[in-house]
């Protein structure tokens, strides 16, 4: 199930990746303390539907599929 009832305190954040069921995010490691946030994303270089957790391993193990799984419509964009 992908349903959560989370109560956040002051300066606490619930963070979710864009690959809802495949992202390792607050569903895996819990609430994020706001003191750990150092910046804001302004530009997305690329978005990838990947199988491996570690990007260099993804490129090494799946070099051809890597370019097929890039979400080109979501790449090279400013994020608001």
N, C-alpha and C. Protein backbone atom coordinates (compact mmCIF):
# COMPACT_ATOMS: atom_id res chain seq x y z
N UNK A 1 0.83 -1.19 0.00
CA UNK A 1 0.00 0.00 0.00
C UNK A 1 0.88 1.25 0.00
N UNK A 2 0.40 2.30 -0.61
CA UNK A 2 1.15 3.54 -0.70
C UNK A 2 0.37 4.67 -0.03
N UNK A 3 -0.21 4.37 1.15
CA UNK A 3 -0.99 5.35 1.89
C UNK A 3 -0.32 5.56 3.25
N UNK A 4 -0.09 6.82 3.61
CA UNK A 4 0.59 7.14 4.86
C UNK A 4 -0.16 8.24 5.58
N UNK A 5 -0.23 8.12 6.90
CA UNK A 5 -0.79 9.16 7.75
C UNK A 5 0.34 9.64 8.64
N UNK A 6 0.93 10.76 8.28
CA UNK A 6 2.14 11.24 8.95
C UNK A 6 1.86 12.60 9.59
N UNK A 7 2.23 12.75 10.82
CA UNK A 7 2.12 14.03 11.52
C UNK A 7 3.50 14.66 11.56
N UNK A 8 3.64 15.85 10.97
CA UNK A 8 4.93 16.53 10.92
C UNK A 8 4.99 17.62 11.97
N UNK A 9 6.15 17.74 12.60
CA UNK A 9 6.37 18.82 13.53
C UNK A 9 6.96 20.02 12.81
N UNK A 10 7.30 21.03 13.57
CA UNK A 10 7.92 22.22 13.00
C UNK A 10 9.27 21.84 12.41
N UNK A 11 9.56 22.35 11.23
CA UNK A 11 10.82 22.11 10.53
C UNK A 11 11.03 20.64 10.17
N UNK A 12 9.94 19.91 9.93
CA UNK A 12 10.02 18.52 9.48
C UNK A 12 9.33 18.42 8.12
N UNK A 13 9.87 17.55 7.26
CA UNK A 13 9.36 17.41 5.90
C UNK A 13 9.21 15.95 5.53
N UNK A 14 8.19 15.66 4.74
CA UNK A 14 7.96 14.34 4.17
C UNK A 14 8.34 14.45 2.70
N UNK A 15 9.33 13.70 2.27
CA UNK A 15 9.91 13.84 0.94
C UNK A 15 9.62 12.60 0.11
N UNK A 16 9.08 12.82 -1.11
CA UNK A 16 8.80 11.69 -2.00
C UNK A 16 9.44 11.92 -3.35
N UNK A 17 10.03 10.86 -3.89
CA UNK A 17 10.63 10.93 -5.21
C UNK A 17 9.58 10.87 -6.30
N UNK A 18 9.99 11.12 -7.53
CA UNK A 18 9.03 11.15 -8.64
C UNK A 18 8.71 9.76 -9.18
N UNK A 19 9.46 8.76 -8.78
CA UNK A 19 9.17 7.38 -9.17
C UNK A 19 8.46 6.74 -7.98
N UNK A 20 7.20 7.05 -7.81
CA UNK A 20 6.43 6.78 -6.59
C UNK A 20 6.73 5.44 -5.92
N UNK A 21 6.65 4.35 -6.63
CA UNK A 21 6.85 3.05 -5.99
C UNK A 21 8.31 2.59 -6.02
N UNK A 22 9.17 3.29 -6.74
CA UNK A 22 10.56 2.87 -6.84
C UNK A 22 11.55 3.79 -6.16
N UNK A 23 11.11 4.91 -5.63
CA UNK A 23 12.02 5.87 -5.02
C UNK A 23 12.32 5.50 -3.57
N UNK A 24 13.56 5.67 -3.17
CA UNK A 24 13.94 5.51 -1.77
C UNK A 24 13.86 6.89 -1.15
N UNK A 25 12.80 7.15 -0.41
CA UNK A 25 12.50 8.49 0.08
C UNK A 25 11.98 8.38 1.51
N UNK A 26 11.16 9.31 1.95
CA UNK A 26 10.66 9.31 3.33
C UNK A 26 9.89 8.04 3.68
N UNK A 27 9.36 7.38 2.68
CA UNK A 27 8.68 6.11 2.97
C UNK A 27 9.68 5.05 3.42
N UNK A 28 10.94 5.21 3.04
CA UNK A 28 11.97 4.26 3.44
C UNK A 28 12.81 4.71 4.62
N UNK A 29 13.10 6.02 4.71
CA UNK A 29 13.98 6.50 5.77
C UNK A 29 13.34 7.50 6.71
N UNK A 30 12.06 7.79 6.53
CA UNK A 30 11.33 8.60 7.51
C UNK A 30 11.34 10.09 7.24
N UNK A 31 11.00 10.83 8.26
CA UNK A 31 10.85 12.28 8.18
C UNK A 31 12.21 12.95 8.04
N UNK A 32 12.25 13.99 7.23
CA UNK A 32 13.49 14.75 7.00
C UNK A 32 13.49 16.01 7.86
N UNK A 33 14.57 16.19 8.59
CA UNK A 33 14.74 17.40 9.39
C UNK A 33 15.09 18.56 8.46
N UNK A 34 14.40 19.67 8.59
CA UNK A 34 14.62 20.83 7.73
C UNK A 34 16.03 21.39 7.78
N UNK A 35 16.76 21.13 8.87
CA UNK A 35 18.14 21.60 8.97
C UNK A 35 19.06 20.92 7.96
N UNK A 36 18.61 19.80 7.40
CA UNK A 36 19.41 19.08 6.41
C UNK A 36 19.17 19.59 4.99
N UNK A 37 18.21 20.48 4.82
CA UNK A 37 17.92 21.04 3.49
C UNK A 37 18.80 22.27 3.29
N UNK A 38 19.64 22.23 2.26
CA UNK A 38 20.62 23.30 2.03
C UNK A 38 20.35 24.13 0.79
N UNK A 39 19.37 23.76 0.03
CA UNK A 39 19.12 24.51 -1.19
C UNK A 39 17.80 24.09 -1.82
N UNK A 40 17.57 24.59 -2.99
CA UNK A 40 16.35 24.29 -3.72
C UNK A 40 16.71 23.94 -5.15
N UNK A 41 16.03 22.96 -5.69
CA UNK A 41 16.28 22.56 -7.07
C UNK A 41 15.74 23.63 -8.00
N UNK A 42 16.58 24.09 -8.92
CA UNK A 42 16.18 25.11 -9.89
C UNK A 42 16.11 24.57 -11.31
N UNK A 43 16.91 23.52 -11.58
CA UNK A 43 17.00 23.02 -12.95
C UNK A 43 17.16 21.50 -12.93
N UNK A 44 16.33 20.79 -13.71
CA UNK A 44 16.41 19.34 -13.81
C UNK A 44 17.19 19.01 -15.08
N UNK A 45 18.29 18.28 -14.91
CA UNK A 45 19.10 17.89 -16.06
C UNK A 45 18.41 16.76 -16.81
N UNK A 46 18.08 15.68 -16.10
CA UNK A 46 17.32 14.61 -16.75
C UNK A 46 16.53 13.83 -15.72
N UNK A 47 15.54 13.11 -16.20
CA UNK A 47 14.70 12.26 -15.37
C UNK A 47 14.79 10.86 -15.97
N UNK A 48 14.99 9.88 -15.11
CA UNK A 48 15.25 8.53 -15.60
C UNK A 48 14.39 7.52 -14.87
N UNK A 49 13.76 6.64 -15.62
CA UNK A 49 13.05 5.51 -15.05
C UNK A 49 14.07 4.39 -14.96
N UNK A 50 14.74 4.27 -13.83
CA UNK A 50 15.86 3.34 -13.74
C UNK A 50 15.57 2.14 -12.86
N UNK A 51 16.38 1.09 -13.05
CA UNK A 51 16.24 -0.14 -12.30
C UNK A 51 17.19 -0.18 -11.11
N UNK A 52 18.39 0.37 -11.27
CA UNK A 52 19.40 0.32 -10.21
C UNK A 52 19.29 1.56 -9.33
N UNK A 53 19.66 1.43 -8.06
CA UNK A 53 19.60 2.57 -7.13
C UNK A 53 20.73 3.56 -7.38
N UNK A 54 21.87 3.09 -7.85
CA UNK A 54 23.06 3.92 -8.02
C UNK A 54 23.24 4.22 -9.50
N UNK A 55 23.19 5.49 -9.89
CA UNK A 55 23.21 5.89 -11.29
C UNK A 55 24.41 5.34 -12.08
N UNK A 56 25.65 5.41 -11.57
CA UNK A 56 26.76 4.84 -12.36
C UNK A 56 26.59 3.35 -12.64
N UNK A 57 26.01 2.63 -11.69
CA UNK A 57 25.77 1.20 -11.91
C UNK A 57 24.70 1.00 -12.98
N UNK A 58 23.71 1.86 -12.99
CA UNK A 58 22.66 1.81 -14.01
C UNK A 58 23.27 1.98 -15.41
N UNK A 59 24.13 2.95 -15.57
CA UNK A 59 24.76 3.22 -16.86
C UNK A 59 25.66 2.06 -17.27
N UNK A 60 26.38 1.50 -16.31
CA UNK A 60 27.30 0.39 -16.59
C UNK A 60 26.56 -0.88 -16.98
N UNK A 61 25.50 -1.20 -16.26
CA UNK A 61 24.78 -2.46 -16.50
C UNK A 61 23.77 -2.38 -17.64
N UNK A 62 23.25 -1.19 -17.90
CA UNK A 62 22.21 -1.04 -18.92
C UNK A 62 22.53 0.14 -19.84
N UNK A 63 23.66 0.14 -20.54
CA UNK A 63 24.06 1.33 -21.32
C UNK A 63 23.11 1.69 -22.45
N UNK A 64 22.56 0.72 -23.14
CA UNK A 64 21.67 1.01 -24.26
C UNK A 64 20.29 1.41 -23.75
N UNK A 65 19.76 0.64 -22.81
CA UNK A 65 18.45 0.95 -22.25
C UNK A 65 18.44 2.26 -21.48
N UNK A 66 19.59 2.69 -21.00
CA UNK A 66 19.69 3.94 -20.24
C UNK A 66 19.07 5.09 -21.03
N UNK A 67 19.42 5.21 -22.30
CA UNK A 67 18.91 6.31 -23.12
C UNK A 67 17.44 6.13 -23.49
N UNK A 68 16.99 4.89 -23.56
CA UNK A 68 15.57 4.64 -23.83
C UNK A 68 14.70 4.98 -22.62
N UNK A 69 15.26 4.79 -21.43
CA UNK A 69 14.48 5.03 -20.21
C UNK A 69 14.56 6.48 -19.72
N UNK A 70 15.34 7.30 -20.39
CA UNK A 70 15.36 8.73 -20.03
C UNK A 70 14.00 9.33 -20.37
N UNK A 71 13.47 10.10 -19.46
CA UNK A 71 12.21 10.80 -19.72
C UNK A 71 12.58 12.14 -20.34
N UNK A 72 12.75 12.15 -21.65
CA UNK A 72 13.26 13.32 -22.35
C UNK A 72 12.33 14.52 -22.22
N UNK A 73 11.01 14.29 -22.11
CA UNK A 73 10.08 15.40 -21.96
C UNK A 73 10.23 16.10 -20.61
N UNK A 74 10.85 15.43 -19.66
CA UNK A 74 11.07 16.03 -18.33
C UNK A 74 12.51 16.43 -18.13
N UNK A 75 13.30 16.42 -19.15
CA UNK A 75 14.74 16.74 -19.03
C UNK A 75 15.01 18.17 -19.48
N UNK A 76 16.11 18.71 -18.99
CA UNK A 76 16.56 20.07 -19.32
C UNK A 76 15.46 21.10 -19.11
N UNK A 77 14.93 21.13 -17.89
CA UNK A 77 13.84 22.05 -17.55
C UNK A 77 14.14 22.82 -16.27
N UNK A 78 13.66 24.04 -16.21
CA UNK A 78 13.68 24.79 -14.96
C UNK A 78 12.54 24.25 -14.10
N UNK A 79 12.77 24.14 -12.81
CA UNK A 79 11.77 23.63 -11.87
C UNK A 79 11.25 24.80 -11.04
N UNK A 80 9.93 24.96 -11.00
CA UNK A 80 9.37 26.08 -10.23
C UNK A 80 8.98 25.65 -8.83
